[in-house]
Amino acid sequence: MRLGILAQFGGVRNETSAQDWQLGIDKIKLAESLGVECVMVSEAWGLSAIPWMSLIATHTNTIQIGSCILNSFSRSPAALAQEFASLDVLSNGRMIFGLGASGANVIEHFHGIGYQKPLRRMREYIDIFKILISGEKLIYDGQIYKLERGFRLEYDRPRNYIPIYIASLTPKSVKQSGEIADGIFPIHWPKEQFASLRQELQVGADLVDPKKSLTIAPQTRLVVLNGDDDDSKWLQSKQLVHYYINRMGTFYWEALIRNGFEEEVQISRKAWESREVDKSINAITNEMIESMQVIGTIEEIKDKFIERSKLGADLQLIQMPAGDLEYTKKILKTLLD
């Protein structure tokens, strides 16, 4: 079973003191020593992911490092090619480029950029990134980008290709990701639907190479039950899904409907419209949570991850366990031993 970790700046979301980032580095080095495959860093409307990835690159030796995700609007393709070229040098060829379209609220009201043609932009963005990382001349005639002067990104390359993963939810985006990327980051994706997701990806892959290898790398929320306030932990798991259904635009709830949860989603959304908060949250069933997340006792969680792996989750990404190094070691060893 392949395992990756999601590690925010300082190892814990919104904690940014010097002590926190040093603890985060210690946890990542521990994960590396235990055989965790990769560490991924996200960026939304908080701190930049780039400096944190630089620190990780210079404090580790073998673990792969990537973004999960950066958006395809707020920086130009050339700017992120420059960033990842530098990071690939610092890490000696260990970077993964994770990209997503984000959404209109963040792009237009945080970055102040019009949210137009996200699917087409993603394709052109990836094309340009690949050209620059390869060392070829940048001459590109797209619908969005027209680049004619033939610039090259000059540096001492540890390699001429950086793997690319895309956060995709819609059928068109999934198909395109199969064509232009190496992997996909599904979120809130039912384990029962990994096989159909692979089929959708393969439709895109077949356009370029029927033998192309694609990685499904879902973000998997892990909740360990220990008899202490377990009901609250179940509620928190439901609240997270509720937030994505009712307060994160249309992409997530539409994806959940396509993936078999139409009744739960519609009940939750209807209750939310009238601000019946408890009813809206409770529309999300335990079965729905267990389909998308791993929740169980310390003795149960490994088998649940193995099940997901057998169903098609190639590389499973979990949040860095909270707490001290000993607890982090306990969780990771449970999953990896």
Protein backbone atom coordinates (compact mmCIF):
# COMPACT_ATOMS: atom_id res chain seq x y z
CA MET A 1 0.00 0.00 0.00
CA ARG A 2 1.34 3.41 -1.03
CA LEU A 3 0.90 6.26 1.45
CA GLY A 4 1.45 10.01 1.23
CA ILE A 5 0.93 12.79 3.74
CA LEU A 6 -0.59 16.24 3.45
CA ALA A 7 1.49 18.65 5.51
CA GLN A 8 0.50 22.28 5.88
CA PHE A 9 2.98 24.99 6.84
CA GLY A 10 4.20 24.02 10.29
CA GLY A 11 2.53 20.62 9.94
CA VAL A 12 -0.81 21.91 11.24
CA ARG A 13 -3.20 24.23 9.39
CA ASN A 14 -2.95 27.91 10.40
CA GLU A 15 -0.09 27.34 12.85
CA THR A 16 2.93 29.23 11.58
CA SER A 17 5.39 29.95 14.39
CA ALA A 18 9.03 28.92 14.07
CA GLN A 19 8.48 26.10 16.54
CA ASP A 20 5.54 24.76 14.52
CA TRP A 21 7.37 24.59 11.20
CA GLN A 22 10.33 22.90 12.87
CA LEU A 23 7.99 20.28 14.34
CA GLY A 24 6.46 19.89 10.90
CA ILE A 25 9.89 19.21 9.39
CA ASP A 26 10.65 16.68 12.12
CA LYS A 27 7.37 14.88 11.35
CA ILE A 28 8.11 14.85 7.63
CA LYS A 29 11.60 13.44 8.25
CA LEU A 30 10.00 10.77 10.44
CA ALA A 31 7.53 9.94 7.66
CA GLU A 32 10.41 9.71 5.22
CA SER A 33 12.28 7.28 7.48
CA LEU A 34 9.18 5.07 7.75
CA GLY A 35 8.71 4.81 3.99
CA VAL A 36 5.98 7.34 3.26
CA GLU A 37 6.15 7.96 -0.48
CA CYS A 38 5.40 11.67 -0.72
CA VAL A 39 4.56 14.81 1.20
CA MET A 40 2.05 17.17 -0.40
CA VAL A 41 1.38 20.83 0.39
CA SER A 42 -1.82 22.72 -0.39
CA GLU A 43 -2.49 26.39 -1.03
CA ALA A 44 -5.85 28.15 -1.07
CA TRP A 45 -6.22 31.66 0.39
CA GLY A 46 -3.65 31.21 3.15
CA LEU A 47 0.12 31.09 3.10
CA SER A 48 2.12 30.35 -0.04
CA ALA A 49 3.09 26.71 -0.54
CA ILE A 50 6.37 27.47 -2.33
CA PRO A 51 8.57 28.48 0.66
CA TRP A 52 7.32 25.50 2.67
CA MET A 53 8.15 23.10 -0.17
CA SER A 54 11.61 24.69 -0.34
CA LEU A 55 12.18 23.98 3.35
CA ILE A 56 11.01 20.41 2.93
CA ALA A 57 13.26 19.93 -0.09
CA THR A 58 16.35 21.06 1.81
CA HIS A 59 15.59 19.04 4.96
CA THR A 60 14.81 15.66 3.34
CA ASN A 61 16.58 13.23 1.04
CA THR A 62 14.27 10.67 -0.56
CA ILE A 63 10.60 11.53 -0.02
CA GLN A 64 8.80 13.02 -3.03
CA ILE A 65 7.42 16.54 -2.57
CA GLY A 66 4.48 18.12 -4.31
CA SER A 67 1.65 20.61 -4.38
CA CYS A 68 -1.88 19.45 -3.72
CA ILE A 69 -2.79 21.85 -5.07
CA LEU A 70 -1.77 25.15 -6.62
CA ASN A 71 -4.27 26.93 -8.86
CA SER A 72 -3.95 27.59 -12.59
CA PHE A 73 -4.91 31.28 -12.48
CA SER A 74 -2.93 33.30 -9.93
CA ARG A 75 0.54 32.60 -11.38
CA SER A 76 1.52 32.28 -15.03
CA PRO A 77 2.59 28.88 -16.38
CA ALA A 78 6.13 30.23 -16.78
CA ALA A 79 6.20 31.48 -13.18
CA LEU A 80 5.29 28.05 -11.80
CA ALA A 81 7.70 26.36 -14.21
CA GLN A 82 10.44 28.58 -12.75
CA GLU A 83 9.36 27.72 -9.19
CA PHE A 84 9.26 23.99 -9.81
CA ALA A 85 12.51 24.01 -11.76
CA SER A 86 14.16 25.57 -8.70
CA LEU A 87 12.46 23.12 -6.37
CA ASP A 88 13.47 20.18 -8.53
CA VAL A 89 17.09 21.32 -8.32
CA LEU A 90 16.88 21.75 -4.54
CA SER A 91 15.28 18.32 -4.12
CA ASN A 92 17.45 16.58 -6.71
CA GLY A 93 14.49 15.59 -8.85
CA ARG A 94 11.82 14.75 -6.27
CA MET A 95 9.02 17.17 -7.16
CA ILE A 96 5.42 16.50 -8.20
CA PHE A 97 3.46 19.34 -9.82
CA GLY A 98 -0.12 19.30 -8.51
CA LEU A 99 -2.51 21.74 -10.13
CA GLY A 100 -6.22 22.54 -10.00
CA ALA A 101 -8.61 25.13 -11.38
CA SER A 102 -9.82 26.21 -7.91
CA GLY A 103 -13.15 28.06 -8.14
CA ALA A 104 -14.63 31.41 -9.06
CA ASN A 105 -14.87 32.72 -5.49
CA VAL A 106 -11.16 32.32 -4.73
CA ILE A 107 -9.89 33.28 -8.18
CA GLU A 108 -12.09 36.34 -8.65
CA HIS A 109 -12.44 37.62 -5.08
CA PHE A 110 -9.03 36.75 -3.60
CA HIS A 111 -6.78 37.00 -6.65
CA GLY A 112 -8.93 39.45 -8.66
CA ILE A 113 -8.70 37.46 -11.89
CA GLY A 114 -11.63 36.53 -14.11
CA TYR A 115 -12.56 32.84 -13.86
CA GLN A 116 -12.90 32.01 -17.55
CA LYS A 117 -12.34 28.79 -19.51
CA PRO A 118 -10.84 26.79 -16.62
CA LEU A 119 -10.70 23.53 -18.60
CA ARG A 120 -9.01 25.08 -21.61
CA ARG A 121 -6.65 27.05 -19.38
CA MET A 122 -5.62 23.85 -17.61
CA ARG A 123 -4.69 22.16 -20.89
CA GLU A 124 -2.63 25.12 -22.12
CA TYR A 125 -1.04 25.63 -18.71
CA ILE A 126 0.18 22.03 -18.61
CA ASP A 127 1.41 22.22 -22.22
CA ILE A 128 3.52 25.29 -21.45
CA PHE A 129 4.83 23.87 -18.18
CA LYS A 130 5.98 20.71 -19.96
CA ILE A 131 7.73 22.68 -22.71
CA LEU A 132 9.66 24.84 -20.24
CA ILE A 133 10.69 21.98 -17.95
CA SER A 134 11.87 19.96 -20.98
CA GLY A 135 14.22 22.75 -22.09
CA GLU A 136 12.53 23.22 -25.47
CA LYS A 137 11.89 26.61 -27.04
CA LEU A 138 8.63 28.14 -25.84
CA ILE A 139 6.59 28.77 -28.96
CA TYR A 140 2.90 28.26 -28.30
CA ASP A 141 -0.25 29.21 -30.19
CA GLY A 142 -3.19 28.54 -27.91
CA GLN A 143 -6.63 30.02 -27.42
CA ILE A 144 -5.47 31.74 -24.21
CA TYR A 145 -1.67 31.87 -24.43
CA LYS A 146 0.19 33.04 -27.52
CA LEU A 147 3.95 32.92 -26.97
CA GLU A 148 6.19 33.63 -29.95
CA ARG A 149 9.71 34.61 -28.90
CA GLY A 150 11.10 31.16 -28.24
CA PHE A 151 12.37 31.61 -24.67
CA ARG A 152 13.97 28.64 -22.95
CA LEU A 153 14.06 27.93 -19.22
CA GLU A 154 17.79 27.52 -18.70
CA TYR A 155 19.05 25.58 -15.68
CA ASP A 156 21.08 22.51 -14.75
CA ARG A 157 18.31 19.92 -14.89
CA PRO A 158 18.20 16.86 -12.66
CA ARG A 159 15.62 15.59 -15.23
CA ASN A 160 13.58 16.99 -18.10
CA TYR A 161 10.12 16.01 -16.85
CA ILE A 162 8.24 16.60 -13.59
CA PRO A 163 5.18 14.38 -12.91
CA ILE A 164 1.88 16.24 -13.08
CA TYR A 165 -1.26 15.51 -11.05
CA ILE A 166 -4.54 17.38 -11.46
CA ALA A 167 -7.43 17.87 -9.02
CA SER A 168 -10.42 16.91 -11.18
CA LEU A 169 -14.10 16.46 -10.36
CA THR A 170 -16.16 16.89 -13.53
CA PRO A 171 -16.33 14.20 -16.25
CA LYS A 172 -14.70 16.49 -18.83
CA SER A 173 -11.89 17.38 -16.44
CA VAL A 174 -11.31 13.74 -15.49
CA LYS A 175 -11.09 12.72 -19.15
CA GLN A 176 -8.70 15.60 -19.92
CA SER A 177 -6.55 14.70 -16.91
CA GLY A 178 -6.19 11.18 -18.25
CA GLU A 179 -4.87 12.69 -21.47
CA ILE A 180 -2.49 15.39 -20.20
CA ALA A 181 -1.45 14.36 -16.67
CA ASP A 182 0.15 11.47 -14.79
CA GLY A 183 -2.33 11.28 -11.94
CA ILE A 184 -5.42 12.71 -10.31
CA PHE A 185 -6.30 13.97 -6.82
CA PRO A 186 -9.93 12.96 -6.12
CA ILE A 187 -11.49 14.41 -2.99
CA HIS A 188 -14.67 13.15 -1.27
CA TRP A 189 -14.66 10.27 -3.76
CA PRO A 190 -16.49 7.07 -2.78
CA LYS A 191 -14.25 4.02 -2.66
CA GLU A 192 -16.86 2.10 -4.66
CA GLN A 193 -16.32 4.50 -7.59
CA PHE A 194 -12.53 4.23 -7.98
CA ALA A 195 -12.92 1.63 -10.74
CA SER A 196 -15.28 3.82 -12.77
CA LEU A 197 -12.96 6.80 -12.19
CA ARG A 198 -10.10 4.80 -13.71
CA GLN A 199 -12.25 3.98 -16.72
CA GLU A 200 -13.00 7.69 -17.23
CA LEU A 201 -9.31 8.53 -16.96
CA GLN A 202 -8.43 5.81 -19.44
CA VAL A 203 -10.74 7.33 -22.06
CA GLY A 204 -8.46 10.37 -22.04
CA ALA A 205 -5.27 8.33 -21.82
CA ASP A 206 -6.28 6.30 -24.87
CA LEU A 207 -6.13 9.48 -26.96
CA VAL A 208 -2.35 9.61 -26.47
CA ASP A 209 -1.17 6.20 -25.23
CA PRO A 210 -3.41 3.23 -24.33
CA LYS A 211 -0.60 1.84 -22.15
CA LYS A 212 -0.21 5.06 -20.17
CA SER A 213 0.09 4.54 -16.41
CA LEU A 214 -2.13 6.81 -14.31
CA THR A 215 -2.14 7.24 -10.53
CA ILE A 216 -5.33 7.73 -8.54
CA ALA A 217 -4.26 9.58 -5.38
CA PRO A 218 -7.33 10.38 -3.27
CA GLN A 219 -7.22 12.65 -0.26
CA THR A 220 -8.47 10.39 2.51
CA ARG A 221 -9.58 11.84 5.81
CA LEU A 222 -8.41 9.58 8.65
CA VAL A 223 -10.24 9.62 11.97
CA VAL A 224 -9.09 7.32 14.78
CA LEU A 225 -11.78 6.32 17.28
CA ASN A 226 -10.68 5.50 20.81
CA GLY A 227 -13.90 5.59 22.83
CA ASP A 228 -13.27 9.19 23.87
CA ASP A 229 -15.84 11.51 22.31
CA ASP A 230 -16.34 9.30 19.25
CA ASP A 231 -19.75 10.84 18.52
CA SER A 232 -18.09 14.23 18.18
CA LYS A 233 -15.58 12.78 15.72
CA TRP A 234 -18.36 11.38 13.58
CA LEU A 235 -20.08 14.76 13.68
CA GLN A 236 -16.89 16.56 12.60
CA SER A 237 -16.54 14.18 9.66
CA LYS A 238 -20.10 14.96 8.59
CA GLN A 239 -19.60 18.70 9.08
CA LEU A 240 -16.66 18.65 6.67
CA VAL A 241 -18.68 16.99 3.92
CA HIS A 242 -21.61 19.28 4.70
CA TYR A 243 -19.38 22.31 4.20
CA TYR A 244 -18.27 21.11 0.76
CA ILE A 245 -21.83 20.30 -0.28
CA ASN A 246 -23.39 23.57 0.82
CA ARG A 247 -20.68 26.23 0.89
CA MET A 248 -18.09 25.37 -1.76
CA GLY A 249 -19.86 26.06 -5.04
CA THR A 250 -21.45 23.48 -7.31
CA PHE A 251 -18.58 21.16 -8.26
CA TYR A 252 -18.54 19.05 -5.09
CA TRP A 253 -22.25 18.39 -4.63
CA GLU A 254 -22.68 17.69 -8.32
CA ALA A 255 -19.82 15.17 -8.16
CA LEU A 256 -21.37 13.50 -5.11
CA ILE A 257 -24.69 13.16 -6.92
CA ARG A 258 -22.95 11.58 -9.92
CA ASN A 259 -21.19 9.21 -7.53
CA GLY A 260 -24.37 7.84 -5.97
CA PHE A 261 -25.37 10.20 -3.15
CA GLU A 262 -28.21 12.13 -4.77
CA GLU A 263 -30.72 11.57 -1.97
CA GLU A 264 -28.34 12.60 0.81
CA VAL A 265 -27.11 15.66 -1.09
CA GLN A 266 -30.56 16.90 -2.03
CA ILE A 267 -31.89 16.53 1.53
CA SER A 268 -28.84 18.33 2.93
CA ARG A 269 -29.07 21.18 0.42
CA LYS A 270 -32.82 21.65 0.87
CA ALA A 271 -32.44 21.79 4.66
CA TRP A 272 -29.53 24.22 4.33
CA GLU A 273 -31.60 26.57 2.15
CA SER A 274 -33.98 27.00 5.08
CA ARG A 275 -31.04 27.05 7.52
CA GLU A 276 -32.07 23.84 9.29
CA VAL A 277 -28.43 23.20 10.14
CA ASP A 278 -28.79 20.00 12.19
CA LYS A 279 -31.07 18.40 9.61
CA SER A 280 -28.70 19.42 6.83
CA ILE A 281 -25.71 17.83 8.57
CA ASN A 282 -27.58 14.69 9.63
CA ALA A 283 -28.65 14.05 6.04
CA ILE A 284 -25.06 12.88 5.59
CA THR A 285 -25.14 9.27 6.73
CA ASN A 286 -22.46 7.19 8.43
CA GLU A 287 -22.43 4.98 5.34
CA MET A 288 -21.64 8.00 3.16
CA ILE A 289 -18.77 9.00 5.45
CA GLU A 290 -17.31 5.50 5.50
CA SER A 291 -17.45 5.40 1.72
CA MET A 292 -15.24 8.51 1.42
CA GLN A 293 -13.21 8.53 4.63
CA VAL A 294 -11.40 6.10 6.89
CA ILE A 295 -12.90 6.17 10.36
CA GLY A 296 -12.32 3.47 12.95
CA THR A 297 -10.22 2.22 15.84
CA ILE A 298 -6.45 1.94 15.63
CA GLU A 299 -6.91 -1.80 15.06
CA GLU A 300 -9.31 -1.24 12.14
CA ILE A 301 -7.78 1.55 10.10
CA LYS A 302 -5.09 -0.41 8.24
CA ASP A 303 -7.59 -2.91 6.87
CA LYS A 304 -9.79 -0.04 5.72
CA PHE A 305 -6.89 1.52 3.81
CA ILE A 306 -5.99 -1.85 2.28
CA GLU A 307 -9.59 -2.22 1.12
CA ARG A 308 -9.46 1.18 -0.56
CA SER A 309 -6.18 0.22 -2.21
CA LYS A 310 -7.69 -2.97 -3.61
CA LEU A 311 -10.63 -0.96 -4.95
CA GLY A 312 -8.29 1.30 -6.94
CA ALA A 313 -6.71 3.95 -4.70
CA ASP A 314 -3.09 3.74 -5.87
CA LEU A 315 -1.61 6.36 -3.54
CA GLN A 316 -3.60 7.45 -0.49
CA LEU A 317 -2.99 10.90 0.98
CA ILE A 318 -3.77 11.53 4.64
CA GLN A 319 -3.35 14.61 6.77
CA MET A 320 -0.21 14.57 8.89
CA PRO A 321 -1.36 13.10 12.22
CA ALA A 322 -1.81 15.76 14.90
CA GLY A 323 0.08 15.58 18.17
CA ASP A 324 3.67 14.83 19.01
CA LEU A 325 6.24 12.74 17.18
CA GLU A 326 5.44 9.57 19.11
CA TYR A 327 1.77 9.66 18.19
CA THR A 328 2.63 10.44 14.57
CA LYS A 329 5.00 7.48 14.52
CA LYS A 330 2.32 5.21 16.01
CA ILE A 331 -0.22 6.08 13.32
CA LEU A 332 2.18 5.87 10.38
CA LYS A 333 3.71 2.59 11.56
CA THR A 334 0.22 1.12 12.00
CA LEU A 335 -0.52 1.88 8.36
CA LEU A 336 2.85 0.93 6.90
CA ASP A 337 4.01 -2.10 8.91
